[in-house]
Amino acid sequence: MSPRPVDKEEKKKLIVNAALQVIKAKGFADATVEEIATAAKIGKGTVYEYFSSKEEIVQKLVSDFFSGQEKRFKEFKFDSEKPEEAVKAFLRESFFDIETLSDIIPIHFEFWSSGKGKALGLNKSMSERFERMAVRLNQFLREGRKQKVFLDSLDTKNLSTVIISSIDGLILSHALFKPRKEVFQKKVNELEKMILSYIRR
């Protein structure tokens, strides 16, 4: 019987998930490829068959998570007759899998501050993520303004960037303080109420 072919993407995912657990426990600087291999239950040499360095593993960890988020936003369908519901759904989607996101954020910052993240283009990818989210939200705000559901005076482009900044601030707060689910949800609810009370006619 011939051996089952190796699924390269599944193997990469195995390594990346192991890296998340190791780096979450030890930090980016102190984690080693050998420890990542042990956590993944594979040989160190196997890790190097898929990634050239620890930095490359972390780059994939961060980029895969945010690419998944971007894909969900891109595929997100909304009823053009209900722009307010679209804004609410956008906020819910922004905090999707907040627990994993809160594990990734500190790794992202440590990696970025090491200088290696900059060299691998992490700055560019994160700024592009912000811009894409703002563009998508701007669509919903403009649609609501067009339908006279939202205020005619809204500066939708600038407001979009303010809202995304607020979302990212809450995400950072969760990563730092790890609040209970119900406590964090109250903060999200307050953000939603604040936004809706500002944009409604």
N, C-alpha and C. Protein backbone atom coordinates (compact mmCIF):
# COMPACT_ATOMS: atom_id res chain seq x y z
N MET A 1 0.85 -1.19 0.00
CA MET A 1 0.00 0.00 0.00
C MET A 1 0.89 1.25 0.00
N SER A 2 0.63 2.14 -0.94
CA SER A 2 1.45 3.36 -1.02
C SER A 2 1.08 4.31 0.11
N PRO A 3 2.08 5.07 0.63
CA PRO A 3 1.79 5.99 1.73
C PRO A 3 0.85 7.11 1.31
N ARG A 4 0.04 7.57 2.27
CA ARG A 4 -0.90 8.65 1.99
C ARG A 4 -0.13 9.93 1.65
N PRO A 5 -0.46 10.60 0.53
CA PRO A 5 0.26 11.83 0.17
C PRO A 5 0.12 12.89 1.25
N VAL A 6 1.20 13.64 1.45
CA VAL A 6 1.20 14.68 2.47
C VAL A 6 0.44 15.91 1.97
N ASP A 7 -0.50 16.37 2.77
CA ASP A 7 -1.22 17.61 2.46
C ASP A 7 -0.37 18.75 3.01
N LYS A 8 0.30 19.47 2.13
CA LYS A 8 1.25 20.50 2.56
C LYS A 8 0.58 21.62 3.35
N GLU A 9 -0.61 22.01 2.93
CA GLU A 9 -1.29 23.08 3.64
C GLU A 9 -1.71 22.65 5.04
N GLU A 10 -2.13 21.39 5.16
CA GLU A 10 -2.49 20.87 6.49
C GLU A 10 -1.27 20.80 7.39
N LYS A 11 -0.14 20.42 6.82
CA LYS A 11 1.10 20.36 7.61
C LYS A 11 1.52 21.76 8.06
N LYS A 12 1.39 22.72 7.18
CA LYS A 12 1.72 24.10 7.55
C LYS A 12 0.79 24.59 8.67
N LYS A 13 -0.48 24.23 8.55
CA LYS A 13 -1.45 24.63 9.57
C LYS A 13 -1.10 24.01 10.92
N LEU A 14 -0.67 22.75 10.90
CA LEU A 14 -0.26 22.06 12.12
C LEU A 14 0.90 22.80 12.78
N ILE A 15 1.87 23.20 11.99
CA ILE A 15 3.05 23.90 12.51
C ILE A 15 2.67 25.28 13.05
N VAL A 16 1.84 25.99 12.31
CA VAL A 16 1.42 27.33 12.73
C VAL A 16 0.63 27.27 14.03
N ASN A 17 -0.27 26.30 14.15
CA ASN A 17 -1.05 26.16 15.39
C ASN A 17 -0.17 25.82 16.58
N ALA A 18 0.84 24.98 16.34
CA ALA A 18 1.79 24.65 17.40
C ALA A 18 2.58 25.88 17.80
N ALA A 19 2.97 26.67 16.81
CA ALA A 19 3.73 27.90 17.08
C ALA A 19 2.91 28.86 17.93
N LEU A 20 1.62 28.96 17.66
CA LEU A 20 0.76 29.84 18.44
C LEU A 20 0.79 29.45 19.91
N GLN A 21 0.68 28.17 20.18
CA GLN A 21 0.67 27.70 21.58
C GLN A 21 2.02 27.93 22.26
N VAL A 22 3.10 27.65 21.57
CA VAL A 22 4.44 27.81 22.16
C VAL A 22 4.75 29.28 22.40
N ILE A 23 4.49 30.11 21.40
CA ILE A 23 4.82 31.54 21.52
C ILE A 23 3.90 32.24 22.51
N LYS A 24 2.65 31.79 22.59
CA LYS A 24 1.73 32.34 23.58
C LYS A 24 2.27 32.09 25.00
N ALA A 25 2.87 30.94 25.19
CA ALA A 25 3.39 30.57 26.52
C ALA A 25 4.74 31.20 26.82
N LYS A 26 5.61 31.32 25.80
CA LYS A 26 7.00 31.73 26.05
C LYS A 26 7.37 33.09 25.49
N GLY A 27 6.56 33.60 24.57
CA GLY A 27 6.92 34.83 23.88
C GLY A 27 7.68 34.52 22.60
N PHE A 28 7.63 35.46 21.67
CA PHE A 28 8.28 35.25 20.37
C PHE A 28 9.79 35.07 20.51
N ALA A 29 10.42 35.92 21.29
CA ALA A 29 11.89 35.91 21.40
C ALA A 29 12.42 34.61 21.98
N ASP A 30 11.72 34.05 22.98
CA ASP A 30 12.23 32.86 23.67
C ASP A 30 11.80 31.54 23.05
N ALA A 31 10.80 31.57 22.21
CA ALA A 31 10.35 30.33 21.58
C ALA A 31 11.37 29.87 20.54
N THR A 32 11.52 28.56 20.39
CA THR A 32 12.46 28.02 19.41
C THR A 32 11.73 27.13 18.41
N VAL A 33 12.35 26.94 17.26
CA VAL A 33 11.77 26.06 16.24
C VAL A 33 11.69 24.63 16.78
N GLU A 34 12.66 24.23 17.57
CA GLU A 34 12.66 22.89 18.16
C GLU A 34 11.42 22.69 19.05
N GLU A 35 11.08 23.71 19.85
CA GLU A 35 9.90 23.61 20.71
C GLU A 35 8.62 23.58 19.89
N ILE A 36 8.61 24.31 18.81
CA ILE A 36 7.44 24.31 17.92
C ILE A 36 7.27 22.92 17.30
N ALA A 37 8.39 22.34 16.90
CA ALA A 37 8.36 20.99 16.31
C ALA A 37 7.84 19.98 17.32
N THR A 38 8.30 20.09 18.56
CA THR A 38 7.87 19.17 19.62
C THR A 38 6.36 19.30 19.86
N ALA A 39 5.89 20.54 19.90
CA ALA A 39 4.46 20.78 20.12
C ALA A 39 3.62 20.23 18.97
N ALA A 40 4.19 20.27 17.76
CA ALA A 40 3.48 19.76 16.58
C ALA A 40 3.65 18.25 16.40
N LYS A 41 4.53 17.65 17.26
CA LYS A 41 4.82 16.21 17.21
C LYS A 41 5.42 15.79 15.88
N ILE A 42 6.34 16.63 15.42
CA ILE A 42 7.09 16.32 14.19
C ILE A 42 8.56 16.66 14.44
N GLY A 43 9.43 16.26 13.54
CA GLY A 43 10.84 16.56 13.69
C GLY A 43 11.16 18.00 13.33
N LYS A 44 12.22 18.50 13.92
CA LYS A 44 12.65 19.88 13.63
C LYS A 44 12.93 20.06 12.14
N GLY A 45 13.52 19.04 11.53
CA GLY A 45 13.82 19.11 10.10
C GLY A 45 12.58 19.24 9.25
N THR A 46 11.50 18.62 9.72
CA THR A 46 10.23 18.72 8.98
C THR A 46 9.72 20.15 8.97
N VAL A 47 9.88 20.85 10.10
CA VAL A 47 9.47 22.25 10.15
C VAL A 47 10.19 23.04 9.07
N TYR A 48 11.49 22.79 8.93
CA TYR A 48 12.28 23.53 7.95
C TYR A 48 11.97 23.14 6.51
N GLU A 49 11.25 22.05 6.33
CA GLU A 49 10.80 21.70 4.98
C GLU A 49 9.70 22.66 4.52
N TYR A 50 9.02 23.27 5.49
CA TYR A 50 7.89 24.13 5.18
C TYR A 50 8.15 25.61 5.45
N PHE A 51 9.02 25.89 6.40
CA PHE A 51 9.33 27.27 6.76
C PHE A 51 10.84 27.43 6.93
N SER A 52 11.35 28.56 6.47
CA SER A 52 12.79 28.78 6.57
C SER A 52 13.22 29.29 7.93
N SER A 53 12.26 29.79 8.73
CA SER A 53 12.62 30.38 10.02
C SER A 53 11.40 30.52 10.92
N LYS A 54 11.65 30.80 12.18
CA LYS A 54 10.57 31.07 13.13
C LYS A 54 9.79 32.31 12.68
N GLU A 55 10.51 33.29 12.16
CA GLU A 55 9.87 34.53 11.70
C GLU A 55 8.86 34.25 10.59
N GLU A 56 9.21 33.35 9.70
CA GLU A 56 8.31 33.03 8.59
C GLU A 56 7.05 32.33 9.10
N ILE A 57 7.20 31.52 10.14
CA ILE A 57 6.03 30.84 10.75
C ILE A 57 5.08 31.88 11.33
N VAL A 58 5.65 32.84 12.06
CA VAL A 58 4.82 33.86 12.71
C VAL A 58 4.17 34.75 11.66
N GLN A 59 4.89 35.06 10.62
CA GLN A 59 4.31 35.87 9.54
C GLN A 59 3.07 35.17 8.98
N LYS A 60 3.16 33.87 8.78
CA LYS A 60 2.00 33.12 8.26
C LYS A 60 0.87 33.06 9.28
N LEU A 61 1.23 32.90 10.56
CA LEU A 61 0.24 32.88 11.62
C LEU A 61 -0.61 34.16 11.60
N VAL A 62 0.07 35.29 11.56
CA VAL A 62 -0.62 36.58 11.58
C VAL A 62 -1.40 36.81 10.29
N SER A 63 -0.73 36.58 9.16
CA SER A 63 -1.37 36.87 7.87
C SER A 63 -2.56 35.95 7.61
N ASP A 64 -2.47 34.68 8.02
CA ASP A 64 -3.59 33.76 7.80
C ASP A 64 -4.83 34.19 8.57
N PHE A 65 -4.63 34.63 9.82
CA PHE A 65 -5.79 35.03 10.61
C PHE A 65 -6.47 36.24 9.99
N PHE A 66 -5.69 37.25 9.64
CA PHE A 66 -6.28 38.47 9.09
C PHE A 66 -6.79 38.27 7.66
N SER A 67 -6.18 37.34 6.93
CA SER A 67 -6.70 37.02 5.59
C SER A 67 -8.07 36.37 5.71
N GLY A 68 -8.24 35.51 6.74
CA GLY A 68 -9.53 34.89 6.97
C GLY A 68 -10.58 35.92 7.32
N GLN A 69 -10.19 36.91 8.14
CA GLN A 69 -11.10 37.98 8.50
C GLN A 69 -11.49 38.79 7.26
N GLU A 70 -10.50 39.09 6.45
CA GLU A 70 -10.76 39.87 5.24
C GLU A 70 -11.70 39.12 4.30
N LYS A 71 -11.50 37.80 4.19
CA LYS A 71 -12.34 36.98 3.32
C LYS A 71 -13.79 37.02 3.80
N ARG A 72 -13.99 36.95 5.12
CA ARG A 72 -15.35 37.00 5.65
C ARG A 72 -16.01 38.35 5.36
N PHE A 73 -15.24 39.43 5.48
CA PHE A 73 -15.79 40.75 5.19
C PHE A 73 -16.14 40.87 3.70
N LYS A 74 -15.28 40.30 2.86
CA LYS A 74 -15.50 40.39 1.41
C LYS A 74 -16.75 39.61 1.00
N GLU A 75 -16.96 38.47 1.66
CA GLU A 75 -18.09 37.61 1.31
C GLU A 75 -19.37 38.03 2.03
N PHE A 76 -19.24 38.96 2.95
CA PHE A 76 -20.37 39.39 3.78
C PHE A 76 -21.44 40.04 2.92
N LYS A 77 -22.63 39.46 2.94
CA LYS A 77 -23.76 39.99 2.18
C LYS A 77 -24.65 40.80 3.12
N PHE A 78 -25.15 41.92 2.63
CA PHE A 78 -26.05 42.70 3.46
C PHE A 78 -27.24 43.16 2.63
N ASP A 79 -28.34 43.31 3.33
CA ASP A 79 -29.58 43.78 2.70
C ASP A 79 -29.48 45.30 2.55
N SER A 80 -29.44 45.77 1.31
CA SER A 80 -29.27 47.20 1.06
C SER A 80 -30.42 48.03 1.62
N GLU A 81 -31.53 47.36 1.93
CA GLU A 81 -32.67 48.07 2.52
C GLU A 81 -32.51 48.23 4.03
N LYS A 82 -31.49 47.58 4.60
CA LYS A 82 -31.29 47.64 6.06
C LYS A 82 -29.84 48.00 6.39
N PRO A 83 -29.41 49.21 6.05
CA PRO A 83 -28.01 49.59 6.29
C PRO A 83 -27.63 49.58 7.77
N GLU A 84 -28.61 49.85 8.65
CA GLU A 84 -28.31 49.84 10.08
C GLU A 84 -27.94 48.43 10.54
N GLU A 85 -28.67 47.43 10.03
CA GLU A 85 -28.36 46.05 10.36
C GLU A 85 -27.00 45.64 9.81
N ALA A 86 -26.64 46.21 8.65
CA ALA A 86 -25.33 45.93 8.07
C ALA A 86 -24.21 46.44 8.96
N VAL A 87 -24.40 47.62 9.54
CA VAL A 87 -23.39 48.18 10.45
C VAL A 87 -23.26 47.31 11.69
N LYS A 88 -24.39 46.86 12.24
CA LYS A 88 -24.37 45.98 13.41
C LYS A 88 -23.63 44.67 13.10
N ALA A 89 -23.95 44.10 11.94
CA ALA A 89 -23.31 42.84 11.54
C ALA A 89 -21.81 43.03 11.32
N PHE A 90 -21.44 44.19 10.79
CA PHE A 90 -20.02 44.50 10.58
C PHE A 90 -19.29 44.51 11.92
N LEU A 91 -19.90 45.11 12.93
CA LEU A 91 -19.28 45.15 14.26
C LEU A 91 -19.14 43.75 14.85
N ARG A 92 -20.19 42.93 14.69
CA ARG A 92 -20.11 41.55 15.20
C ARG A 92 -18.98 40.79 14.52
N GLU A 93 -18.87 40.97 13.21
CA GLU A 93 -17.84 40.26 12.46
C GLU A 93 -16.44 40.72 12.86
N SER A 94 -16.31 41.98 13.24
CA SER A 94 -15.01 42.53 13.62
C SER A 94 -14.44 41.85 14.86
N PHE A 95 -15.34 41.33 15.71
CA PHE A 95 -14.89 40.69 16.95
C PHE A 95 -15.00 39.17 16.88
N PHE A 96 -15.09 38.66 15.66
CA PHE A 96 -15.17 37.21 15.45
C PHE A 96 -13.92 36.53 16.01
N ASP A 97 -14.11 35.44 16.77
CA ASP A 97 -13.01 34.67 17.36
C ASP A 97 -12.05 35.58 18.14
N ILE A 98 -12.63 36.39 19.02
CA ILE A 98 -11.84 37.37 19.76
C ILE A 98 -10.79 36.71 20.65
N GLU A 99 -11.05 35.49 21.11
CA GLU A 99 -10.08 34.82 21.99
C GLU A 99 -8.78 34.52 21.23
N THR A 100 -8.91 33.95 20.04
CA THR A 100 -7.72 33.68 19.23
C THR A 100 -7.04 34.97 18.82
N LEU A 101 -7.84 35.95 18.43
CA LEU A 101 -7.30 37.24 18.04
C LEU A 101 -6.49 37.86 19.19
N SER A 102 -6.99 37.71 20.41
CA SER A 102 -6.29 38.27 21.58
C SER A 102 -4.98 37.54 21.87
N ASP A 103 -4.88 36.30 21.43
CA ASP A 103 -3.61 35.57 21.55
C ASP A 103 -2.61 36.03 20.49
N ILE A 104 -3.14 36.35 19.32
CA ILE A 104 -2.27 36.73 18.20
C ILE A 104 -1.73 38.15 18.33
N ILE A 105 -2.55 39.07 18.87
CA ILE A 105 -2.14 40.48 18.95
C ILE A 105 -0.81 40.68 19.68
N PRO A 106 -0.60 40.11 20.89
CA PRO A 106 0.70 40.31 21.56
C PRO A 106 1.86 39.74 20.76
N ILE A 107 1.62 38.61 20.09
CA ILE A 107 2.67 38.01 19.25
C ILE A 107 2.99 38.95 18.09
N HIS A 108 1.93 39.50 17.51
CA HIS A 108 2.11 40.44 16.41
C HIS A 108 2.95 41.64 16.83
N PHE A 109 2.64 42.22 18.00
CA PHE A 109 3.39 43.39 18.45
C PHE A 109 4.84 43.07 18.80
N GLU A 110 5.05 41.90 19.43
CA GLU A 110 6.43 41.53 19.75
C GLU A 110 7.24 41.29 18.48
N PHE A 111 6.62 40.62 17.54
CA PHE A 111 7.27 40.34 16.26
C PHE A 111 7.56 41.64 15.51
N TRP A 112 6.59 42.53 15.49
CA TRP A 112 6.74 43.81 14.81
C TRP A 112 7.85 44.64 15.46
N SER A 113 7.86 44.69 16.80
CA SER A 113 8.84 45.52 17.50
C SER A 113 10.26 44.97 17.39
N SER A 114 10.38 43.68 17.04
CA SER A 114 11.72 43.10 16.88
C SER A 114 12.43 43.63 15.64
N GLY A 115 11.67 44.26 14.77
CA GLY A 115 12.25 44.77 13.53
C GLY A 115 12.13 43.78 12.39
N LYS A 116 12.02 42.49 12.74
CA LYS A 116 11.94 41.46 11.71
C LYS A 116 10.58 41.48 11.01
N GLY A 117 9.55 41.84 11.79
CA GLY A 117 8.23 41.95 11.19
C GLY A 117 8.17 43.03 10.14
N LYS A 118 8.85 44.15 10.40
CA LYS A 118 8.89 45.24 9.42
C LYS A 118 9.56 44.76 8.14
N ALA A 119 10.67 44.05 8.31
CA ALA A 119 11.42 43.58 7.14
C ALA A 119 10.59 42.63 6.28
N LEU A 120 9.67 41.89 6.92
CA LEU A 120 8.84 40.94 6.20
C LEU A 120 7.52 41.56 5.70
N GLY A 121 7.40 42.88 5.85
CA GLY A 121 6.25 43.58 5.29
C GLY A 121 5.01 43.58 6.16
N LEU A 122 5.19 43.35 7.47
CA LEU A 122 4.04 43.29 8.36
C LEU A 122 3.34 44.65 8.46
N ASN A 123 4.11 45.73 8.45
CA ASN A 123 3.50 47.07 8.49
C ASN A 123 2.52 47.26 7.34
N LYS A 124 2.97 46.90 6.16
CA LYS A 124 2.17 47.09 4.95
C LYS A 124 0.89 46.26 5.01
N SER A 125 1.02 45.01 5.42
CA SER A 125 -0.15 44.13 5.44
C SER A 125 -1.18 44.60 6.47
N MET A 126 -0.72 45.12 7.62
CA MET A 126 -1.64 45.57 8.64
C MET A 126 -2.33 46.88 8.23
N SER A 127 -1.59 47.77 7.59
CA SER A 127 -2.20 49.03 7.14
C SER A 127 -3.22 48.75 6.03
N GLU A 128 -2.92 47.76 5.19
CA GLU A 128 -3.86 47.40 4.12
C GLU A 128 -5.13 46.78 4.71
N ARG A 129 -4.97 45.98 5.77
CA ARG A 129 -6.14 45.42 6.45
C ARG A 129 -7.04 46.54 6.96
N PHE A 130 -6.45 47.54 7.60
CA PHE A 130 -7.21 48.67 8.15
C PHE A 130 -7.96 49.38 7.03
N GLU A 131 -7.27 49.64 5.95
CA GLU A 131 -7.90 50.37 4.83
C GLU A 131 -9.04 49.59 4.22
N ARG A 132 -8.86 48.28 4.06
CA ARG A 132 -9.91 47.46 3.45
C ARG A 132 -11.16 47.41 4.34
N MET A 133 -10.94 47.30 5.66
CA MET A 133 -12.09 47.32 6.58
C MET A 133 -12.82 48.65 6.52
N ALA A 134 -12.06 49.74 6.46
CA ALA A 134 -12.66 51.07 6.41
C ALA A 134 -13.46 51.27 5.12
N VAL A 135 -12.92 50.79 4.02
CA VAL A 135 -13.62 50.91 2.73
C VAL A 135 -14.95 50.15 2.77
N ARG A 136 -14.92 48.95 3.36
CA ARG A 136 -16.14 48.14 3.42
C ARG A 136 -17.19 48.82 4.30
N LEU A 137 -16.78 49.29 5.46
CA LEU A 137 -17.71 49.97 6.35
C LEU A 137 -18.26 51.24 5.71
N ASN A 138 -17.42 51.94 4.99
CA ASN A 138 -17.84 53.17 4.31
C ASN A 138 -18.99 52.89 3.34
N GLN A 139 -18.97 51.72 2.71
CA GLN A 139 -20.05 51.35 1.79
C GLN A 139 -21.40 51.33 2.52
N PHE A 140 -21.41 50.73 3.72
CA PHE A 140 -22.65 50.63 4.48
C PHE A 140 -23.12 52.01 4.93
N LEU A 141 -22.18 52.84 5.37
CA LEU A 141 -22.54 54.18 5.85
C LEU A 141 -23.07 55.04 4.70
N ARG A 142 -22.45 54.95 3.55
CA ARG A 142 -22.90 55.73 2.41
C ARG A 142 -24.29 55.29 1.95
N GLU A 143 -24.51 53.95 1.98
CA GLU A 143 -25.81 53.42 1.59
C GLU A 143 -26.90 53.94 2.53
N GLY A 144 -26.59 53.96 3.84
CA GLY A 144 -27.56 54.46 4.82
C GLY A 144 -27.83 55.94 4.65
N ARG A 145 -26.81 56.69 4.31
CA ARG A 145 -26.98 58.13 4.06
C ARG A 145 -27.83 58.36 2.81
N LYS A 146 -27.57 57.56 1.79
CA LYS A 146 -28.32 57.66 0.53
C LYS A 146 -29.80 57.36 0.75
N GLN A 147 -30.09 56.40 1.62
CA GLN A 147 -31.48 56.00 1.88
C GLN A 147 -32.15 56.88 2.93
N LYS A 148 -31.43 57.89 3.40
CA LYS A 148 -31.97 58.81 4.41
C LYS A 148 -32.23 58.12 5.76
N VAL A 149 -31.53 57.02 5.99
CA VAL A 149 -31.59 56.35 7.29
C VAL A 149 -30.56 56.99 8.21
N PHE A 150 -29.39 57.35 7.63
CA PHE A 150 -28.33 58.00 8.39
C PHE A 150 -28.29 59.49 8.03
N LEU A 151 -27.65 60.27 8.87
CA LEU A 151 -27.57 61.72 8.69
C LEU A 151 -26.93 62.11 7.36
N ASP A 152 -27.49 63.11 6.72
CA ASP A 152 -26.92 63.62 5.47
C ASP A 152 -25.54 64.21 5.68
N SER A 153 -25.28 64.70 6.87
CA SER A 153 -24.03 65.41 7.14
C SER A 153 -22.85 64.48 7.46
N LEU A 154 -23.09 63.17 7.48
CA LEU A 154 -22.01 62.25 7.85
C LEU A 154 -20.85 62.33 6.88
N ASP A 155 -19.65 62.47 7.44
CA ASP A 155 -18.42 62.33 6.65
C ASP A 155 -18.05 60.84 6.73
N THR A 156 -18.65 60.06 5.86
CA THR A 156 -18.57 58.60 5.99
C THR A 156 -17.15 58.06 5.90
N LYS A 157 -16.32 58.67 5.07
CA LYS A 157 -14.96 58.18 4.91
C LYS A 157 -14.16 58.33 6.20
N ASN A 158 -14.18 59.53 6.78
CA ASN A 158 -13.43 59.74 8.01
C ASN A 158 -14.06 59.00 9.19
N LEU A 159 -15.39 58.95 9.22
CA LEU A 159 -16.07 58.24 10.29
C LEU A 159 -15.71 56.75 10.27
N SER A 160 -15.57 56.19 9.08
CA SER A 160 -15.19 54.77 8.96
C SER A 160 -13.86 54.49 9.63
N THR A 161 -12.89 55.38 9.41
CA THR A 161 -11.57 55.16 10.02
C THR A 161 -11.63 55.33 11.54
N VAL A 162 -12.48 56.23 12.02
CA VAL A 162 -12.63 56.41 13.47
C VAL A 162 -13.24 55.15 14.09
N ILE A 163 -14.25 54.58 13.43
CA ILE A 163 -14.90 53.37 13.95
C ILE A 163 -13.93 52.19 13.95
N ILE A 164 -13.17 52.03 12.86
CA ILE A 164 -12.20 50.92 12.81
C ILE A 164 -11.15 51.09 13.91
N SER A 165 -10.74 52.33 14.15
CA SER A 165 -9.78 52.59 15.23
C SER A 165 -10.37 52.21 16.59
N SER A 166 -11.65 52.48 16.79
CA SER A 166 -12.33 52.12 18.04
C SER A 166 -12.42 50.61 18.18
N ILE A 167 -12.72 49.93 17.08
CA ILE A 167 -12.76 48.46 17.09
C ILE A 167 -11.40 47.90 17.49
N ASP A 168 -10.35 48.40 16.86
CA ASP A 168 -9.01 47.92 17.16
C ASP A 168 -8.60 48.23 18.60
N GLY A 169 -9.10 49.36 19.12
CA GLY A 169 -8.82 49.70 20.52
C GLY A 169 -9.45 48.70 21.47
N LEU A 170 -10.68 48.27 21.18
CA LEU A 170 -11.34 47.26 22.01
C LEU A 170 -10.64 45.91 21.91
N ILE A 171 -10.18 45.58 20.71
CA ILE A 171 -9.45 44.33 20.52
C ILE A 171 -8.16 44.34 21.34
N LEU A 172 -7.45 45.46 21.30
CA LEU A 172 -6.22 45.58 22.08
C LEU A 172 -6.52 45.48 23.58
N SER A 173 -7.60 46.11 24.02
CA SER A 173 -8.01 46.05 25.42
C SER A 173 -8.27 44.60 25.84
N HIS A 174 -8.92 43.85 24.97
CA HIS A 174 -9.19 42.44 25.27
C HIS A 174 -7.89 41.65 25.37
N ALA A 175 -6.97 41.93 24.46
CA ALA A 175 -5.69 41.22 24.47
C ALA A 175 -4.89 41.50 25.75
N LEU A 176 -4.99 42.73 26.25
CA LEU A 176 -4.22 43.13 27.44
C LEU A 176 -4.84 42.63 28.73
N PHE A 177 -6.17 42.72 28.82
CA PHE A 177 -6.83 42.49 30.12
C PHE A 177 -7.64 41.20 30.19
N LYS A 178 -7.88 40.54 29.05
CA LYS A 178 -8.61 39.27 29.01
C LYS A 178 -9.89 39.30 29.86
N PRO A 179 -10.79 40.22 29.60
CA PRO A 179 -12.02 40.31 30.41
C PRO A 179 -12.93 39.10 30.17
N ARG A 180 -13.84 38.88 31.10
CA ARG A 180 -14.83 37.82 30.91
C ARG A 180 -15.68 38.14 29.69
N LYS A 181 -16.22 37.12 29.10
CA LYS A 181 -16.98 37.27 27.85
C LYS A 181 -18.10 38.29 28.00
N GLU A 182 -18.86 38.18 29.11
CA GLU A 182 -20.01 39.08 29.28
C GLU A 182 -19.58 40.53 29.51
N VAL A 183 -18.42 40.71 30.16
CA VAL A 183 -17.90 42.07 30.39
C VAL A 183 -17.48 42.70 29.06
N PHE A 184 -16.81 41.91 28.25
CA PHE A 184 -16.37 42.44 26.95
C PHE A 184 -17.56 42.73 26.05
N GLN A 185 -18.58 41.86 26.10
CA GLN A 185 -19.75 42.06 25.26
C GLN A 185 -20.46 43.36 25.60
N LYS A 186 -20.45 43.74 26.86
CA LYS A 186 -21.06 45.01 27.26
C LYS A 186 -20.34 46.18 26.61
N LYS A 187 -19.01 46.08 26.50
CA LYS A 187 -18.23 47.15 25.86
C LYS A 187 -18.57 47.23 24.37
N VAL A 188 -18.69 46.07 23.74
CA VAL A 188 -19.07 46.03 22.32
C VAL A 188 -20.46 46.63 22.13
N ASN A 189 -21.38 46.29 23.03
CA ASN A 189 -22.74 46.83 22.94
C ASN A 189 -22.76 48.35 23.08
N GLU A 190 -21.92 48.87 23.97
CA GLU A 190 -21.85 50.32 24.16
C GLU A 190 -21.29 51.00 22.92
N LEU A 191 -20.30 50.36 22.30
CA LEU A 191 -19.73 50.92 21.07
C LEU A 191 -20.80 50.96 19.98
N GLU A 192 -21.57 49.89 19.87
CA GLU A 192 -22.63 49.84 18.87
C GLU A 192 -23.67 50.93 19.12
N LYS A 193 -24.10 51.09 20.36
CA LYS A 193 -25.09 52.12 20.70
C LYS A 193 -24.56 53.51 20.38
N MET A 194 -23.30 53.75 20.71
CA MET A 194 -22.69 55.06 20.47
C MET A 194 -22.65 55.37 18.97
N ILE A 195 -22.26 54.39 18.18
CA ILE A 195 -22.16 54.59 16.73
C ILE A 195 -23.55 54.85 16.14
N LEU A 196 -24.51 54.01 16.50
CA LEU A 196 -25.85 54.13 15.92
C LEU A 196 -26.54 55.42 16.33
N SER A 197 -26.34 55.82 17.58
CA SER A 197 -26.98 57.06 18.02
C SER A 197 -26.37 58.28 17.31
N TYR A 198 -25.13 58.15 16.87
CA TYR A 198 -24.46 59.26 16.18
C TYR A 198 -24.89 59.34 14.71
N ILE A 199 -25.08 58.16 14.07
CA ILE A 199 -25.30 58.18 12.62
C ILE A 199 -26.78 58.24 12.22
N ARG A 200 -27.70 57.88 13.15
CA ARG A 200 -29.11 57.89 12.79
C ARG A 200 -29.63 59.31 12.54
N ARG A 201 -30.63 59.38 11.67
CA ARG A 201 -31.29 60.68 11.42
C ARG A 201 -32.14 61.05 12.63
